[in-house]
Amino acid sequence: MVVAYGAVLLTLVVPSVTLAPLVRRLGIGEGEDQRREEAEVRARLARAALDRVDELTTDEDHPGRAAGIVRARYEARLERAEADSDDHAESSGEAHAAEELAVEAVEAQRDLLRELRRQRAAPAATLRELEGELDLEESRMRG
């Protein structure tokens, strides 16, 4: 009797209690409204970062080129977030096209790294580091 009760408890109760947190954590049940809200928050974060960059670039401690690099990064994040929060199919199509282009750009870089490795045109450690950066960039795009 105790074994049967234990089996029921383990097979029915435990999974039912842990299922909701698991679904939330995996983002499986994420609705369109929640995705849009997340994109809006991401856009606000990017705007805040851009505002701070503008504020700090008036100082002479931050050269224009460095500010341009950081600004371009956050402008790209803002564009992605705005495309994600927009309901229109056109912006969704543009976001999808941009994602495809970015994936192709990463692939072109990977092809060049393979060629450089084959030719032994650069130190292996440098090529591994650059490949790691490409892996990180690709994982950010997919995330």
N, C-alpha and C. Protein backbone atom coordinates (compact mmCIF):
# COMPACT_ATOMS: atom_id res chain seq x y z
N MET A 1 0.82 -1.19 0.00
CA MET A 1 0.00 0.00 0.00
C MET A 1 0.87 1.26 0.00
N VAL A 2 1.88 1.28 0.80
CA VAL A 2 2.77 2.43 0.89
C VAL A 2 3.53 2.59 -0.42
N VAL A 3 3.91 1.48 -1.02
CA VAL A 3 4.63 1.53 -2.29
C VAL A 3 3.74 2.11 -3.38
N ALA A 4 2.48 1.68 -3.42
CA ALA A 4 1.55 2.20 -4.41
C ALA A 4 1.33 3.70 -4.21
N TYR A 5 1.18 4.13 -2.97
CA TYR A 5 1.00 5.54 -2.67
C TYR A 5 2.22 6.34 -3.09
N GLY A 6 3.39 5.80 -2.81
CA GLY A 6 4.64 6.46 -3.20
C GLY A 6 4.78 6.56 -4.71
N ALA A 7 4.38 5.50 -5.42
CA ALA A 7 4.47 5.51 -6.87
C ALA A 7 3.54 6.57 -7.47
N VAL A 8 2.32 6.66 -6.93
CA VAL A 8 1.37 7.68 -7.40
C VAL A 8 1.93 9.07 -7.12
N LEU A 9 2.45 9.25 -5.94
CA LEU A 9 3.01 10.55 -5.55
C LEU A 9 4.15 10.95 -6.49
N LEU A 10 5.04 10.04 -6.75
CA LEU A 10 6.20 10.36 -7.60
C LEU A 10 5.82 10.56 -9.07
N THR A 11 4.88 9.80 -9.57
CA THR A 11 4.57 9.89 -11.00
C THR A 11 3.54 10.94 -11.37
N LEU A 12 2.71 11.34 -10.41
CA LEU A 12 1.67 12.31 -10.73
C LEU A 12 1.85 13.66 -10.05
N VAL A 13 2.12 13.66 -8.80
CA VAL A 13 2.17 14.91 -8.05
C VAL A 13 3.44 15.69 -8.33
N VAL A 14 4.58 15.04 -8.26
CA VAL A 14 5.85 15.76 -8.45
C VAL A 14 5.93 16.41 -9.83
N PRO A 15 5.65 15.70 -10.94
CA PRO A 15 5.70 16.37 -12.24
C PRO A 15 4.68 17.50 -12.37
N SER A 16 3.50 17.34 -11.79
CA SER A 16 2.49 18.39 -11.93
C SER A 16 2.90 19.65 -11.17
N VAL A 17 3.62 19.50 -10.08
CA VAL A 17 4.06 20.65 -9.30
C VAL A 17 5.21 21.36 -9.98
N THR A 18 6.07 20.62 -10.64
CA THR A 18 7.25 21.23 -11.26
C THR A 18 7.03 21.64 -12.71
N LEU A 19 5.92 21.28 -13.31
CA LEU A 19 5.70 21.57 -14.72
C LEU A 19 5.57 23.08 -15.00
N ALA A 20 4.78 23.78 -14.22
CA ALA A 20 4.58 25.22 -14.46
C ALA A 20 5.88 26.01 -14.38
N PRO A 21 6.71 25.83 -13.33
CA PRO A 21 7.98 26.56 -13.31
C PRO A 21 8.90 26.19 -14.48
N LEU A 22 8.86 24.93 -14.89
CA LEU A 22 9.68 24.50 -16.01
C LEU A 22 9.24 25.17 -17.30
N VAL A 23 7.95 25.22 -17.54
CA VAL A 23 7.41 25.87 -18.74
C VAL A 23 7.77 27.35 -18.76
N ARG A 24 7.64 28.01 -17.61
CA ARG A 24 8.00 29.44 -17.53
C ARG A 24 9.48 29.63 -17.81
N ARG A 25 10.30 28.80 -17.23
CA ARG A 25 11.74 28.94 -17.38
C ARG A 25 12.18 28.72 -18.83
N LEU A 26 11.56 27.77 -19.50
CA LEU A 26 11.91 27.48 -20.88
C LEU A 26 11.28 28.47 -21.86
N GLY A 27 10.31 29.24 -21.40
CA GLY A 27 9.66 30.22 -22.26
C GLY A 27 8.74 29.60 -23.29
N ILE A 28 8.32 28.37 -23.04
CA ILE A 28 7.46 27.67 -24.00
C ILE A 28 6.10 28.33 -24.09
N GLY A 29 5.52 28.70 -22.98
CA GLY A 29 4.19 29.27 -22.97
C GLY A 29 4.17 30.77 -23.13
N GLU A 30 5.26 31.33 -23.59
CA GLU A 30 5.39 32.77 -23.71
C GLU A 30 4.44 33.30 -24.78
N GLY A 31 3.58 34.21 -24.41
CA GLY A 31 2.62 34.76 -25.34
C GLY A 31 3.18 35.93 -26.12
N GLU A 32 2.43 36.33 -27.14
CA GLU A 32 2.84 37.45 -27.98
C GLU A 32 2.94 38.74 -27.19
N ASP A 33 2.01 38.96 -26.24
CA ASP A 33 2.05 40.17 -25.43
C ASP A 33 3.32 40.22 -24.59
N GLN A 34 3.69 39.09 -24.02
CA GLN A 34 4.88 39.05 -23.19
C GLN A 34 6.13 39.33 -24.03
N ARG A 35 6.20 38.77 -25.23
CA ARG A 35 7.35 39.04 -26.11
C ARG A 35 7.42 40.51 -26.49
N ARG A 36 6.25 41.09 -26.77
CA ARG A 36 6.22 42.51 -27.14
C ARG A 36 6.67 43.38 -25.96
N GLU A 37 6.20 43.05 -24.75
CA GLU A 37 6.61 43.81 -23.58
C GLU A 37 8.11 43.71 -23.35
N GLU A 38 8.65 42.50 -23.53
CA GLU A 38 10.09 42.32 -23.38
C GLU A 38 10.85 43.16 -24.40
N ALA A 39 10.37 43.18 -25.63
CA ALA A 39 11.02 43.97 -26.67
C ALA A 39 10.96 45.46 -26.35
N GLU A 40 9.84 45.91 -25.79
CA GLU A 40 9.72 47.32 -25.42
C GLU A 40 10.70 47.69 -24.31
N VAL A 41 10.88 46.79 -23.35
CA VAL A 41 11.84 47.04 -22.28
C VAL A 41 13.26 47.06 -22.86
N ARG A 42 13.55 46.13 -23.76
CA ARG A 42 14.87 46.12 -24.39
C ARG A 42 15.11 47.42 -25.16
N ALA A 43 14.08 47.93 -25.83
CA ALA A 43 14.22 49.20 -26.56
C ALA A 43 14.50 50.34 -25.59
N ARG A 44 13.80 50.35 -24.47
CA ARG A 44 14.03 51.41 -23.47
C ARG A 44 15.45 51.33 -22.92
N LEU A 45 15.95 50.11 -22.69
CA LEU A 45 17.32 49.94 -22.20
C LEU A 45 18.33 50.46 -23.22
N ALA A 46 18.10 50.16 -24.49
CA ALA A 46 19.01 50.63 -25.54
C ALA A 46 18.99 52.15 -25.64
N ARG A 47 17.80 52.74 -25.52
CA ARG A 47 17.71 54.21 -25.56
C ARG A 47 18.45 54.83 -24.38
N ALA A 48 18.32 54.22 -23.20
CA ALA A 48 19.02 54.73 -22.02
C ALA A 48 20.53 54.66 -22.23
N ALA A 49 20.99 53.57 -22.82
CA ALA A 49 22.43 53.43 -23.09
C ALA A 49 22.89 54.49 -24.09
N LEU A 50 22.08 54.71 -25.14
CA LEU A 50 22.44 55.72 -26.14
C LEU A 50 22.46 57.12 -25.53
N ASP A 51 21.51 57.40 -24.65
CA ASP A 51 21.49 58.70 -23.98
C ASP A 51 22.75 58.89 -23.15
N ARG A 52 23.16 57.83 -22.45
CA ARG A 52 24.37 57.93 -21.62
C ARG A 52 25.60 58.11 -22.51
N VAL A 53 25.67 57.42 -23.62
CA VAL A 53 26.80 57.59 -24.54
C VAL A 53 26.84 59.03 -25.04
N ASP A 54 25.69 59.58 -25.41
CA ASP A 54 25.65 60.98 -25.86
C ASP A 54 26.11 61.92 -24.75
N GLU A 55 25.69 61.63 -23.55
CA GLU A 55 26.06 62.47 -22.41
C GLU A 55 27.56 62.42 -22.16
N LEU A 56 28.15 61.23 -22.25
CA LEU A 56 29.56 61.07 -21.94
C LEU A 56 30.48 61.48 -23.09
N THR A 57 29.98 61.50 -24.30
CA THR A 57 30.85 61.83 -25.42
C THR A 57 31.13 63.33 -25.50
N THR A 58 30.47 64.11 -24.69
CA THR A 58 30.81 65.53 -24.66
C THR A 58 32.13 65.73 -23.93
N ASP A 59 32.52 64.74 -23.10
CA ASP A 59 33.82 64.79 -22.44
C ASP A 59 34.92 64.49 -23.46
N GLU A 60 36.11 64.98 -23.19
CA GLU A 60 37.22 64.69 -24.07
C GLU A 60 37.87 63.36 -23.73
N ASP A 61 37.42 62.71 -22.64
CA ASP A 61 37.99 61.43 -22.24
C ASP A 61 37.53 60.29 -23.14
N HIS A 62 36.47 60.50 -23.90
CA HIS A 62 35.91 59.45 -24.75
C HIS A 62 36.02 59.88 -26.21
N PRO A 63 36.99 59.30 -26.93
CA PRO A 63 37.18 59.70 -28.33
C PRO A 63 35.98 59.35 -29.20
N GLY A 64 35.81 60.10 -30.28
CA GLY A 64 34.66 59.95 -31.17
C GLY A 64 34.53 58.56 -31.77
N ARG A 65 35.65 57.92 -32.13
CA ARG A 65 35.60 56.60 -32.73
C ARG A 65 35.07 55.58 -31.73
N ALA A 66 35.53 55.64 -30.50
CA ALA A 66 35.05 54.70 -29.47
C ALA A 66 33.56 54.90 -29.24
N ALA A 67 33.13 56.14 -29.19
CA ALA A 67 31.71 56.44 -28.99
C ALA A 67 30.90 55.93 -30.18
N GLY A 68 31.45 56.05 -31.37
CA GLY A 68 30.76 55.56 -32.57
C GLY A 68 30.57 54.06 -32.54
N ILE A 69 31.55 53.34 -32.06
CA ILE A 69 31.47 51.89 -31.98
C ILE A 69 30.38 51.48 -30.99
N VAL A 70 30.39 52.10 -29.81
CA VAL A 70 29.39 51.77 -28.79
C VAL A 70 28.01 52.20 -29.26
N ARG A 71 27.94 53.37 -29.87
CA ARG A 71 26.65 53.88 -30.37
C ARG A 71 26.07 52.93 -31.41
N ALA A 72 26.88 52.45 -32.32
CA ALA A 72 26.40 51.52 -33.36
C ALA A 72 25.86 50.24 -32.75
N ARG A 73 26.53 49.76 -31.71
CA ARG A 73 26.07 48.53 -31.04
C ARG A 73 24.68 48.72 -30.45
N TYR A 74 24.48 49.84 -29.74
CA TYR A 74 23.19 50.06 -29.10
C TYR A 74 22.10 50.48 -30.09
N GLU A 75 22.48 51.12 -31.17
CA GLU A 75 21.49 51.43 -32.21
C GLU A 75 20.99 50.14 -32.85
N ALA A 76 21.89 49.19 -33.05
CA ALA A 76 21.47 47.90 -33.61
C ALA A 76 20.53 47.17 -32.65
N ARG A 77 20.85 47.22 -31.36
CA ARG A 77 19.96 46.60 -30.37
C ARG A 77 18.60 47.27 -30.37
N LEU A 78 18.60 48.59 -30.48
CA LEU A 78 17.34 49.33 -30.49
C LEU A 78 16.51 48.96 -31.72
N GLU A 79 17.15 48.87 -32.87
CA GLU A 79 16.43 48.48 -34.09
C GLU A 79 15.83 47.09 -33.95
N ARG A 80 16.60 46.13 -33.39
CA ARG A 80 16.07 44.78 -33.21
C ARG A 80 14.89 44.78 -32.26
N ALA A 81 15.01 45.52 -31.17
CA ALA A 81 13.94 45.55 -30.18
C ALA A 81 12.69 46.20 -30.77
N GLU A 82 12.86 47.27 -31.51
CA GLU A 82 11.71 47.92 -32.13
C GLU A 82 11.06 47.01 -33.16
N ALA A 83 11.85 46.27 -33.91
CA ALA A 83 11.29 45.34 -34.89
C ALA A 83 10.54 44.22 -34.18
N ASP A 84 11.05 43.76 -33.04
CA ASP A 84 10.38 42.69 -32.29
C ASP A 84 9.08 43.17 -31.67
N SER A 85 9.02 44.44 -31.28
CA SER A 85 7.81 44.93 -30.62
C SER A 85 6.75 45.38 -31.61
N ASP A 86 7.15 45.56 -32.86
CA ASP A 86 6.21 46.03 -33.88
C ASP A 86 5.32 44.89 -34.36
N ASP A 87 4.03 45.17 -34.55
CA ASP A 87 3.07 44.16 -34.98
C ASP A 87 3.06 43.93 -36.48
N HIS A 88 3.57 44.85 -37.25
CA HIS A 88 3.42 44.81 -38.70
C HIS A 88 4.26 43.71 -39.32
N ALA A 89 3.71 43.07 -40.32
CA ALA A 89 4.41 41.98 -41.01
C ALA A 89 5.65 42.50 -41.72
N GLU A 90 5.58 43.74 -42.19
CA GLU A 90 6.72 44.30 -42.91
C GLU A 90 7.94 44.37 -42.02
N SER A 91 7.78 44.89 -40.80
CA SER A 91 8.93 44.99 -39.91
C SER A 91 9.39 43.61 -39.49
N SER A 92 8.46 42.68 -39.33
CA SER A 92 8.83 41.31 -39.01
C SER A 92 9.63 40.71 -40.15
N GLY A 93 9.20 40.98 -41.38
CA GLY A 93 9.94 40.50 -42.54
C GLY A 93 11.32 41.11 -42.62
N GLU A 94 11.42 42.40 -42.29
CA GLU A 94 12.71 43.07 -42.29
C GLU A 94 13.62 42.48 -41.22
N ALA A 95 13.06 42.21 -40.05
CA ALA A 95 13.85 41.61 -38.98
C ALA A 95 14.34 40.24 -39.39
N HIS A 96 13.46 39.47 -40.04
CA HIS A 96 13.86 38.14 -40.49
C HIS A 96 14.95 38.23 -41.54
N ALA A 97 14.81 39.17 -42.48
CA ALA A 97 15.83 39.35 -43.51
C ALA A 97 17.16 39.78 -42.90
N ALA A 98 17.09 40.66 -41.92
CA ALA A 98 18.31 41.11 -41.25
C ALA A 98 18.97 39.95 -40.51
N GLU A 99 18.16 39.11 -39.90
CA GLU A 99 18.71 37.95 -39.19
C GLU A 99 19.40 37.01 -40.17
N GLU A 100 18.76 36.76 -41.33
CA GLU A 100 19.36 35.90 -42.34
C GLU A 100 20.69 36.48 -42.83
N LEU A 101 20.73 37.80 -43.05
CA LEU A 101 21.98 38.44 -43.49
C LEU A 101 23.07 38.31 -42.43
N ALA A 102 22.69 38.48 -41.18
CA ALA A 102 23.67 38.37 -40.10
C ALA A 102 24.23 36.95 -40.01
N VAL A 103 23.37 35.96 -40.18
CA VAL A 103 23.82 34.56 -40.16
C VAL A 103 24.78 34.31 -41.32
N GLU A 104 24.45 34.83 -42.50
CA GLU A 104 25.33 34.67 -43.66
C GLU A 104 26.67 35.37 -43.44
N ALA A 105 26.64 36.53 -42.79
CA ALA A 105 27.88 37.25 -42.51
C ALA A 105 28.78 36.44 -41.57
N VAL A 106 28.17 35.83 -40.57
CA VAL A 106 28.94 34.99 -39.65
C VAL A 106 29.51 33.79 -40.40
N GLU A 107 28.73 33.19 -41.28
CA GLU A 107 29.21 32.05 -42.07
C GLU A 107 30.38 32.44 -42.95
N ALA A 108 30.32 33.62 -43.55
CA ALA A 108 31.43 34.09 -44.39
C ALA A 108 32.70 34.24 -43.55
N GLN A 109 32.55 34.73 -42.33
CA GLN A 109 33.69 34.87 -41.44
C GLN A 109 34.25 33.50 -41.06
N ARG A 110 33.35 32.55 -40.80
CA ARG A 110 33.79 31.19 -40.48
C ARG A 110 34.55 30.56 -41.65
N ASP A 111 34.04 30.79 -42.87
CA ASP A 111 34.73 30.26 -44.05
C ASP A 111 36.14 30.83 -44.15
N LEU A 112 36.28 32.12 -43.92
CA LEU A 112 37.60 32.75 -43.98
C LEU A 112 38.50 32.19 -42.89
N LEU A 113 37.98 31.99 -41.68
CA LEU A 113 38.79 31.41 -40.60
C LEU A 113 39.27 30.01 -40.98
N ARG A 114 38.39 29.21 -41.59
CA ARG A 114 38.80 27.86 -42.01
C ARG A 114 39.92 27.94 -43.06
N GLU A 115 39.77 28.89 -43.98
CA GLU A 115 40.80 29.06 -45.01
C GLU A 115 42.13 29.51 -44.39
N LEU A 116 42.07 30.44 -43.47
CA LEU A 116 43.28 30.90 -42.80
C LEU A 116 43.93 29.77 -42.00
N ARG A 117 43.11 28.95 -41.39
CA ARG A 117 43.63 27.81 -40.63
C ARG A 117 44.30 26.81 -41.59
N ARG A 118 43.66 26.57 -42.72
CA ARG A 118 44.21 25.63 -43.70
C ARG A 118 45.54 26.14 -44.25
N GLN A 119 45.64 27.45 -44.49
CA GLN A 119 46.85 28.05 -45.03
C GLN A 119 47.90 28.31 -43.94
N ARG A 120 47.48 28.16 -42.68
CA ARG A 120 48.36 28.49 -41.54
C ARG A 120 48.84 29.94 -41.65
N ALA A 121 47.90 30.82 -41.99
CA ALA A 121 48.21 32.22 -42.22
C ALA A 121 48.18 33.06 -40.94
N ALA A 122 47.73 32.46 -39.86
CA ALA A 122 47.66 33.18 -38.58
C ALA A 122 47.89 32.17 -37.47
N PRO A 123 48.34 32.64 -36.31
CA PRO A 123 48.55 31.72 -35.19
C PRO A 123 47.25 31.01 -34.80
N ALA A 124 47.36 29.74 -34.44
CA ALA A 124 46.19 28.94 -34.09
C ALA A 124 45.44 29.54 -32.91
N ALA A 125 46.16 30.08 -31.95
CA ALA A 125 45.50 30.67 -30.77
C ALA A 125 44.64 31.86 -31.17
N THR A 126 45.12 32.66 -32.09
CA THR A 126 44.36 33.81 -32.57
C THR A 126 43.10 33.35 -33.30
N LEU A 127 43.25 32.32 -34.14
CA LEU A 127 42.10 31.81 -34.87
C LEU A 127 41.06 31.21 -33.93
N ARG A 128 41.51 30.52 -32.88
CA ARG A 128 40.57 29.95 -31.90
C ARG A 128 39.83 31.06 -31.16
N GLU A 129 40.55 32.12 -30.81
CA GLU A 129 39.91 33.23 -30.11
C GLU A 129 38.86 33.90 -30.99
N LEU A 130 39.19 34.11 -32.24
CA LEU A 130 38.24 34.73 -33.17
C LEU A 130 37.05 33.82 -33.43
N GLU A 131 37.29 32.53 -33.49
CA GLU A 131 36.19 31.58 -33.67
C GLU A 131 35.27 31.60 -32.45
N GLY A 132 35.85 31.74 -31.27
CA GLY A 132 35.04 31.85 -30.06
C GLY A 132 34.18 33.10 -30.08
N GLU A 133 34.72 34.19 -30.60
CA GLU A 133 33.94 35.42 -30.72
C GLU A 133 32.78 35.23 -31.70
N LEU A 134 33.03 34.52 -32.78
CA LEU A 134 31.96 34.23 -33.74
C LEU A 134 30.89 33.34 -33.12
N ASP A 135 31.32 32.37 -32.32
CA ASP A 135 30.36 31.51 -31.62
C ASP A 135 29.47 32.34 -30.70
N LEU A 136 30.09 33.27 -29.99
CA LEU A 136 29.33 34.13 -29.08
C LEU A 136 28.36 35.01 -29.86
N GLU A 137 28.82 35.59 -30.95
CA GLU A 137 27.95 36.43 -31.78
C GLU A 137 26.77 35.64 -32.32
N GLU A 138 27.05 34.42 -32.77
CA GLU A 138 25.99 33.58 -33.32
C GLU A 138 25.00 33.18 -32.23
N SER A 139 25.49 32.88 -31.05
CA SER A 139 24.57 32.51 -29.97
C SER A 139 23.72 33.70 -29.55
N ARG A 140 24.25 34.89 -29.61
CA ARG A 140 23.46 36.09 -29.30
C ARG A 140 22.36 36.30 -30.34
N MET A 141 22.70 36.04 -31.60
CA MET A 141 21.70 36.20 -32.66
C MET A 141 20.57 35.21 -32.49
N ARG A 142 20.88 34.00 -32.12
CA ARG A 142 19.87 32.97 -31.97
C ARG A 142 19.08 33.12 -30.69
N GLY A 143 19.70 33.79 -29.70
CA GLY A 143 19.01 33.98 -28.44
C GLY A 143 18.08 35.10 -28.51
